Amino acid sequence: MSVGKVLEQIRENLNTFVGKSIRVKANRGRKRVFQIEGILEKTYPSVFVVCFKEKQAERRISYSYADLITKTVELSHGDNLISFE
């Protein structure tokens, strides 16, 4: 399967979670891990956007679908890990 088709399939799978609460766990290197819980706001052709609250401010963070493939970013909904394999 080509890379474009894999990324499109991941995007379609993520579209089912748009507007729902998800937990993001991102590896930031050197044993630093960023974890937040937010709302999957929107999916774009190359990235997806998660909206979350931090210190009474609404923030948005975006990740590429390739981050999911390389396991730099992990997503979960409730207690279930969202898998893209």
Protein backbone atom coordinates (compact mmCIF):
# COMPACT_ATOMS: atom_id res chain seq x y z
CA MET A 1 0.00 0.00 0.00
CA SER A 2 1.36 3.44 -0.87
CA VAL A 3 2.22 6.01 1.78
CA GLY A 4 -0.53 8.37 0.57
CA LYS A 5 -3.18 5.69 0.97
CA VAL A 6 -1.97 4.80 4.46
CA LEU A 7 -2.10 8.44 5.57
CA GLU A 8 -5.57 8.83 4.03
CA GLN A 9 -6.77 5.73 5.86
CA ILE A 10 -5.45 7.10 9.17
CA ARG A 11 -7.22 10.40 8.48
CA GLU A 12 -10.50 8.60 7.79
CA ASN A 13 -10.16 6.61 11.03
CA LEU A 14 -9.48 9.81 12.99
CA ASN A 15 -12.52 11.51 11.47
CA THR A 16 -14.73 9.26 13.61
CA PHE A 17 -13.24 10.93 16.73
CA VAL A 18 -13.69 14.57 15.62
CA GLY A 19 -15.46 16.46 18.40
CA LYS A 20 -14.73 13.76 20.97
CA SER A 21 -12.39 13.81 23.93
CA ILE A 22 -9.03 12.11 23.35
CA ARG A 23 -5.83 11.76 25.33
CA VAL A 24 -2.54 12.63 23.60
CA LYS A 25 0.80 11.25 24.70
CA ALA A 26 3.70 12.73 22.73
CA ASN A 27 7.38 11.89 23.03
CA ARG A 28 9.39 15.12 23.01
CA GLY A 29 12.81 13.48 23.20
CA ARG A 30 15.32 13.05 26.03
CA LYS A 31 12.81 11.26 28.23
CA ARG A 32 10.33 14.15 28.06
CA VAL A 33 6.73 13.12 27.51
CA PHE A 34 3.87 15.56 26.92
CA GLN A 35 0.41 14.33 27.97
CA ILE A 36 -2.87 16.19 27.62
CA GLU A 37 -6.56 15.49 27.33
CA GLY A 38 -8.45 17.53 24.78
CA ILE A 39 -10.93 17.53 21.93
CA LEU A 40 -9.97 16.37 18.45
CA GLU A 41 -10.97 19.54 16.64
CA LYS A 42 -10.30 18.93 12.97
CA THR A 43 -8.42 16.73 10.52
CA TYR A 44 -6.59 18.18 7.53
CA PRO A 45 -4.87 16.37 4.64
CA SER A 46 -1.49 16.30 6.45
CA VAL A 47 -2.19 17.10 10.11
CA PHE A 48 -4.81 16.87 12.86
CA VAL A 49 -5.55 19.49 15.53
CA VAL A 50 -6.29 18.90 19.22
CA CYS A 51 -7.78 21.69 21.36
CA PHE A 52 -7.11 21.68 25.12
CA LYS A 53 -7.24 23.98 28.13
CA GLU A 54 -4.09 24.95 29.98
CA LYS A 55 -4.09 27.44 32.85
CA GLN A 56 -7.49 28.86 31.86
CA ALA A 57 -6.34 29.42 28.26
CA GLU A 58 -7.55 27.45 25.27
CA ARG A 59 -4.65 26.10 23.21
CA ARG A 60 -4.34 24.08 20.04
CA ILE A 61 -1.63 21.68 19.03
CA SER A 62 -1.20 19.89 15.73
CA TYR A 63 0.55 16.68 14.79
CA SER A 64 1.14 14.94 11.48
CA TYR A 65 -0.22 11.51 10.68
CA ALA A 66 3.39 10.34 10.28
CA ASP A 67 3.83 10.97 14.03
CA LEU A 68 1.21 8.28 14.63
CA ILE A 69 2.95 5.82 12.32
CA THR A 70 6.34 6.36 14.01
CA LYS A 71 4.69 6.15 17.46
CA THR A 72 6.02 9.58 18.42
CA VAL A 73 2.40 10.36 19.30
CA GLU A 74 -0.14 7.98 20.83
CA LEU A 75 -3.86 8.69 21.01
CA SER A 76 -6.44 7.10 23.27
CA HIS A 77 -10.18 7.52 23.70
CA GLY A 78 -11.34 6.65 27.19
CA ASP A 79 -9.26 3.66 28.25
CA ASN A 80 -8.78 2.40 24.69
CA LEU A 81 -5.61 3.09 22.72
CA ILE A 82 -6.42 4.20 19.18
CA SER A 83 -4.43 1.93 16.87
CA PHE A 84 -3.53 2.61 13.23
CA GLU A 85 -1.87 -0.61 12.15
